[in-house]
Protein backbone atom coordinates (compact mmCIF):
# COMPACT_ATOMS: atom_id res chain seq x y z
CA MET A 1 -5.78 -18.99 -17.37
CA PRO A 2 -4.17 -15.76 -18.38
CA GLU A 3 -1.00 -15.15 -16.10
CA LEU A 4 0.89 -12.24 -15.10
CA PRO A 5 2.69 -11.38 -18.43
CA ASP A 6 -0.59 -11.78 -20.24
CA LEU A 7 -2.54 -9.65 -17.84
CA GLN A 8 0.36 -6.92 -18.08
CA VAL A 9 -0.23 -6.64 -21.83
CA PHE A 10 -3.95 -6.76 -21.40
CA SER A 11 -3.75 -3.79 -18.82
CA LYS A 12 -1.57 -1.81 -21.26
CA ASN A 13 -3.86 -2.32 -24.33
CA LEU A 14 -6.98 -1.57 -22.27
CA ASP A 15 -5.68 1.58 -20.79
CA LYS A 16 -4.59 2.70 -24.24
CA GLN A 17 -8.10 2.06 -25.74
CA LEU A 18 -10.38 3.04 -22.85
CA SER A 19 -8.66 5.54 -20.48
CA GLY A 20 -10.38 8.89 -20.73
CA LYS A 21 -13.56 7.79 -21.69
CA LYS A 22 -16.91 8.35 -19.64
CA LEU A 23 -18.60 5.07 -18.42
CA LYS A 24 -22.41 5.60 -19.48
CA GLU A 25 -23.62 2.32 -17.84
CA ILE A 26 -22.29 -1.08 -16.65
CA GLU A 27 -24.63 -4.04 -17.48
CA ILE A 28 -24.39 -6.88 -15.13
CA PHE A 29 -25.74 -10.13 -16.52
CA ASN A 30 -24.30 -12.59 -13.91
CA ASP A 31 -24.06 -11.45 -10.34
CA LYS A 32 -23.32 -14.62 -8.83
CA LYS A 33 -19.47 -13.86 -8.62
CA LEU A 34 -20.13 -10.21 -7.94
CA LYS A 35 -18.39 -9.23 -4.71
CA ALA A 36 -20.47 -6.10 -4.21
CA PRO A 37 -24.03 -5.30 -4.36
CA LYS A 38 -25.33 -4.58 -8.07
CA ALA A 39 -26.60 -1.14 -7.06
CA ALA A 40 -23.47 -0.28 -5.19
CA VAL A 41 -21.29 -1.07 -8.30
CA LYS A 42 -23.58 1.00 -10.81
CA LYS A 43 -23.74 4.04 -8.41
CA SER A 44 -20.00 3.95 -7.82
CA ILE A 45 -18.80 4.13 -11.37
CA GLU A 46 -21.56 5.14 -13.91
CA GLY A 47 -21.19 8.43 -15.25
CA GLU A 48 -17.62 8.67 -14.05
CA LYS A 49 -14.39 9.01 -16.37
CA LEU A 50 -12.18 5.95 -16.55
CA LYS A 51 -8.62 7.28 -15.28
CA GLU A 52 -6.56 3.97 -15.85
CA VAL A 53 -6.39 0.39 -16.33
CA TYR A 54 -3.65 -1.48 -14.50
CA ARG A 55 -2.68 -4.81 -13.15
CA GLU A 56 -2.43 -5.87 -9.54
CA GLY A 57 -1.42 -9.50 -9.01
CA LYS A 58 -3.70 -11.56 -10.92
CA GLU A 59 -6.45 -8.91 -11.34
CA LEU A 60 -7.15 -6.03 -13.69
CA ARG A 61 -8.10 -2.80 -11.93
CA PHE A 62 -10.22 -0.14 -13.58
CA ALA A 63 -9.54 3.04 -11.64
CA PHE A 64 -12.08 5.77 -12.05
CA ALA A 65 -11.78 9.69 -11.61
CA ASN A 66 -13.88 9.76 -8.39
CA GLY A 67 -11.55 7.19 -6.68
CA ASN A 68 -13.56 4.17 -7.24
CA ILE A 69 -11.65 1.06 -8.37
CA LEU A 70 -13.21 -1.97 -10.12
CA GLY A 71 -11.31 -5.07 -10.01
CA ILE A 72 -11.65 -8.09 -12.50
CA HIS A 73 -10.31 -11.57 -12.01
CA LEU A 74 -10.64 -13.53 -15.35
CA MET A 75 -10.13 -16.85 -13.38
CA LEU A 76 -9.56 -19.87 -15.78
CA ASN A 77 -11.72 -18.93 -18.79
CA GLY A 78 -12.66 -15.17 -18.39
CA ASP A 79 -12.35 -13.38 -21.58
CA LEU A 80 -12.62 -9.61 -22.61
CA TYR A 81 -13.87 -8.05 -26.05
CA ILE A 82 -14.07 -4.50 -27.17
CA PHE A 83 -17.22 -3.64 -28.91
CA GLU A 84 -19.04 -1.02 -30.73
CA ARG A 85 -22.77 -0.12 -29.77
CA GLU A 86 -23.76 -3.49 -28.98
CA THR A 87 -22.25 -7.18 -28.41
CA ASP A 88 -23.81 -10.47 -29.15
CA LYS A 89 -21.12 -12.38 -27.07
CA LYS A 90 -22.63 -15.38 -25.16
CA ASN A 91 -21.89 -16.01 -21.47
CA LYS A 92 -21.79 -12.31 -20.63
CA ILE A 93 -20.78 -11.52 -17.10
CA ALA A 94 -20.81 -7.52 -17.48
CA ALA A 95 -20.49 -5.13 -20.28
CA PHE A 96 -19.07 -1.53 -19.77
CA LEU A 97 -20.90 0.83 -22.03
CA PHE A 98 -18.88 4.22 -22.71
CA GLU A 99 -20.54 7.36 -23.85
CA ASP A 100 -18.77 7.44 -27.34
CA GLY A 101 -20.61 4.33 -28.18
CA GLN A 102 -17.59 1.83 -27.47
CA GLY A 103 -17.89 -0.82 -24.82
CA LEU A 104 -16.10 -3.75 -23.20
CA VAL A 105 -17.63 -7.02 -22.26
CA LEU A 106 -16.61 -9.69 -20.00
CA THR A 107 -17.53 -13.25 -20.64
CA ASP A 108 -17.04 -16.59 -19.08
CA PHE A 109 -18.69 -19.79 -20.16
CA GLN A 110 -18.13 -21.09 -16.46
CA GLY A 111 -19.36 -18.15 -14.99
CA MET A 112 -16.36 -17.82 -12.70
CA ALA A 113 -14.86 -14.67 -13.35
CA ASN A 114 -15.51 -12.07 -10.60
CA ILE A 115 -15.94 -8.39 -10.11
CA SER A 116 -15.20 -6.48 -6.98
CA LEU A 117 -15.61 -2.91 -6.11
CA ASN A 118 -12.58 -1.02 -4.20
CA PRO A 119 -10.69 -4.36 -3.54
CA GLU A 120 -8.65 -4.56 -0.51
CA GLU A 121 -5.16 -3.89 -0.80
CA LYS A 122 -3.18 -7.15 0.12
CA ASP A 123 0.15 -7.27 2.24
CA ALA A 124 1.73 -9.82 -0.12
CA PRO A 125 3.90 -8.08 -2.61
CA ASP A 126 3.38 -8.15 -6.48
CA ALA A 127 5.90 -10.44 -8.13
CA LEU A 128 7.32 -7.53 -10.22
CA SER A 129 7.68 -5.20 -7.34
CA GLY A 130 11.04 -4.39 -5.63
CA GLY A 131 9.90 -6.00 -2.49
CA VAL A 132 10.51 -9.52 -4.16
CA ASP A 133 14.05 -9.74 -3.40
CA PHE A 134 16.55 -11.96 -1.49
CA ASP A 135 15.67 -10.76 1.71
CA PHE A 136 12.17 -11.36 1.23
CA LEU A 137 12.47 -14.75 -0.07
CA LYS A 138 14.86 -15.58 2.73
CA ALA A 139 12.30 -14.53 5.28
CA GLN A 140 9.48 -16.46 3.66
CA PHE A 141 11.35 -19.70 2.92
CA SER A 142 13.27 -20.18 6.02
CA LYS A 143 10.17 -20.80 7.99
CA THR A 144 8.28 -23.57 5.96
CA LYS A 145 9.07 -27.17 4.50
CA LYS A 146 6.47 -26.50 1.87
CA ALA A 147 7.56 -27.34 -1.83
CA VAL A 148 9.14 -24.28 -3.27
CA LYS A 149 6.74 -24.29 -6.10
CA THR A 150 3.71 -24.32 -3.71
CA LEU A 151 5.06 -21.37 -2.03
CA LEU A 152 5.64 -19.38 -5.30
CA LEU A 153 1.90 -19.96 -6.22
CA ASP A 154 0.60 -18.82 -2.71
CA GLN A 155 -0.96 -15.41 -3.32
CA HIS A 156 -0.66 -14.59 0.34
CA VAL A 157 3.03 -14.74 -0.23
CA ILE A 158 3.67 -13.32 -3.72
CA ARG A 159 0.91 -11.87 -5.97
CA GLY A 160 0.65 -12.90 -9.62
CA ILE A 161 2.77 -16.04 -10.25
CA GLY A 162 0.66 -18.84 -11.96
CA ASN A 163 1.41 -22.33 -12.59
CA ALA A 164 3.07 -22.06 -15.85
CA TYR A 165 5.52 -19.17 -14.87
CA ALA A 166 6.34 -21.01 -11.67
CA ASP A 167 7.84 -23.96 -13.48
CA GLU A 168 9.57 -21.33 -16.12
CA ILE A 169 11.16 -19.39 -13.06
CA LEU A 170 12.23 -22.56 -11.28
CA TRP A 171 13.90 -24.08 -14.21
CA GLU A 172 15.65 -20.83 -14.94
CA ALA A 173 16.88 -20.82 -11.20
CA GLY A 174 17.86 -24.63 -11.32
CA ILE A 175 15.77 -25.43 -8.39
CA SER A 176 13.50 -28.43 -8.26
CA PRO A 177 9.76 -27.53 -7.79
CA PHE A 178 9.80 -30.36 -5.06
CA SER A 179 12.58 -28.83 -3.01
CA HIS A 180 11.59 -27.85 0.69
CA ALA A 181 11.72 -24.25 0.88
CA ASN A 182 13.75 -23.79 3.92
CA LYS A 183 16.66 -26.02 2.41
CA VAL A 184 17.10 -23.87 -0.54
CA PRO A 185 20.57 -22.34 -0.23
CA ASP A 186 21.10 -18.62 -0.09
CA ASP A 187 22.88 -18.32 -3.41
CA LYS A 188 20.04 -20.13 -4.96
CA LEU A 189 17.59 -17.69 -3.37
CA LYS A 190 19.33 -14.84 -4.55
CA LEU A 191 19.22 -16.38 -8.22
CA LEU A 192 15.59 -17.09 -7.62
CA ALA A 193 14.71 -13.32 -6.90
CA LYS A 194 16.52 -12.44 -10.14
CA LYS A 195 14.77 -14.91 -12.16
CA ILE A 196 11.20 -14.20 -11.04
CA HIS A 197 11.70 -10.57 -12.36
CA SER A 198 13.73 -11.77 -15.71
CA VAL A 199 11.40 -14.37 -16.58
CA LEU A 200 8.06 -12.54 -16.04
CA LYS A 201 9.52 -9.31 -17.68
CA ASP A 202 10.72 -11.32 -20.90
CA ALA A 203 7.48 -13.05 -21.04
CA THR A 204 5.32 -9.80 -20.96
CA HIS A 205 8.03 -8.81 -24.01
CA GLN A 206 7.15 -11.85 -25.80
CA VAL A 207 3.53 -11.86 -25.43
CA GLN A 208 3.54 -8.07 -26.35
CA LYS A 209 5.61 -9.07 -29.50
CA LYS A 210 3.27 -12.00 -30.50
CA LYS A 211 -0.03 -10.30 -30.02
CA PRO A 212 0.73 -6.76 -29.60
CA ASP A 213 -3.02 -5.69 -29.24
CA ALA A 214 -4.16 -8.51 -26.98
CA ILE A 215 -6.82 -7.91 -24.26
CA SER A 216 -7.69 -11.63 -23.90
CA GLY A 217 -6.41 -15.14 -24.04
CA GLU A 218 -3.03 -16.54 -23.36
CA ILE A 219 0.10 -17.34 -25.04
CA ARG A 220 2.44 -19.96 -24.18
CA ASP A 221 4.39 -21.26 -27.19
CA PHE A 222 7.26 -19.60 -26.38
CA LEU A 223 7.62 -21.22 -22.84
CA LYS A 224 10.90 -23.49 -22.41
CA ILE A 225 9.60 -25.97 -20.04
CA HIS A 226 6.00 -25.59 -19.15
CA ASN A 227 5.20 -26.57 -22.75
CA ALA A 228 3.34 -29.89 -23.73
CA HIS A 229 4.78 -29.68 -27.21
CA LYS A 230 8.38 -29.82 -26.12
CA LYS A 231 10.20 -32.99 -25.16
CA GLU A 232 13.46 -31.33 -24.13
CA SER A 233 14.65 -28.09 -22.30
CA PRO A 234 16.79 -25.77 -24.38
CA THR A 235 19.79 -27.38 -23.13
CA GLY A 236 18.72 -30.93 -24.03
CA ALA A 237 17.35 -32.59 -20.77
CA ALA A 238 14.04 -34.48 -21.02
CA ILE A 239 11.09 -32.54 -19.88
CA GLU A 240 9.05 -34.58 -17.17
CA HIS A 241 5.91 -33.65 -15.57
CA LYS A 242 4.22 -34.51 -12.27
CA MET A 243 1.07 -33.41 -10.20
CA LEU A 244 1.93 -31.26 -7.32
CA SER A 245 -0.83 -29.92 -5.38
CA SER A 246 -3.29 -30.77 -8.00
CA ARG A 247 -1.05 -28.93 -10.53
CA LYS A 248 0.69 -30.19 -13.68
CA THR A 249 4.24 -29.29 -13.08
CA TYR A 250 6.80 -29.43 -15.65
CA PHE A 251 10.69 -29.84 -14.71
CA THR A 252 14.12 -31.45 -15.66
CA LYS A 253 16.50 -33.46 -13.69
CA GLU A 254 18.81 -30.32 -14.34
CA GLN A 255 16.98 -28.87 -11.45
CA GLU A 256 18.54 -29.36 -8.01
CA LEU A 257 16.40 -31.07 -5.24
CA TYR A 258 16.99 -29.60 -1.78
CA GLU A 259 15.45 -31.57 1.04
């Protein structure tokens, strides 16, 4: 599944390639996961100029000049491809056809990628926003015994952090993913707030560097901990893994367990 750094790069590249173009038509091939009537989607954006492509949490947002916004969540296996005139891609969910002949197609062999029209604004802050600081984490963590990683992954608490980067962030902060949230000391929460921002920003830079034109897929080979090809952390500790809430979790004994 593409995570925040991937989506950050995708949105930048899609914005560069497509913003300013007028949408001639949106073809919807699979509406099982369409979160609005097909007719309403077409009426809202066809014939309109694409103003901007950006990321919100784990979604890509396509903002049109008339104020309407289309949200796309790629889920586990959604992919995006640019094409000229027509496309022969299989497992199409939807295709955007612009007046200049260029197009963008969304595919997903599982059919799980979803599209929403004018998605509701969420209360939870985006992981890269200034709102995710020590005070915020303190308020969220102090009221629950849930595992720290579980809380980081909860999109109702913080939007945008996925499984792989939760492991990376917690390793950098020296906190075991199995720690009880309300037992993490203040100094570690301050460090965690910093690492949420620094890890995600650095990963975005790495993705951009390794695949500068990416609009799909995921790049994970630079990850320090959440990496099936690595046996040791950068500091020499053995990398272990366990399941936590049905998610494979990578960690080392270097990380302090608070309980």
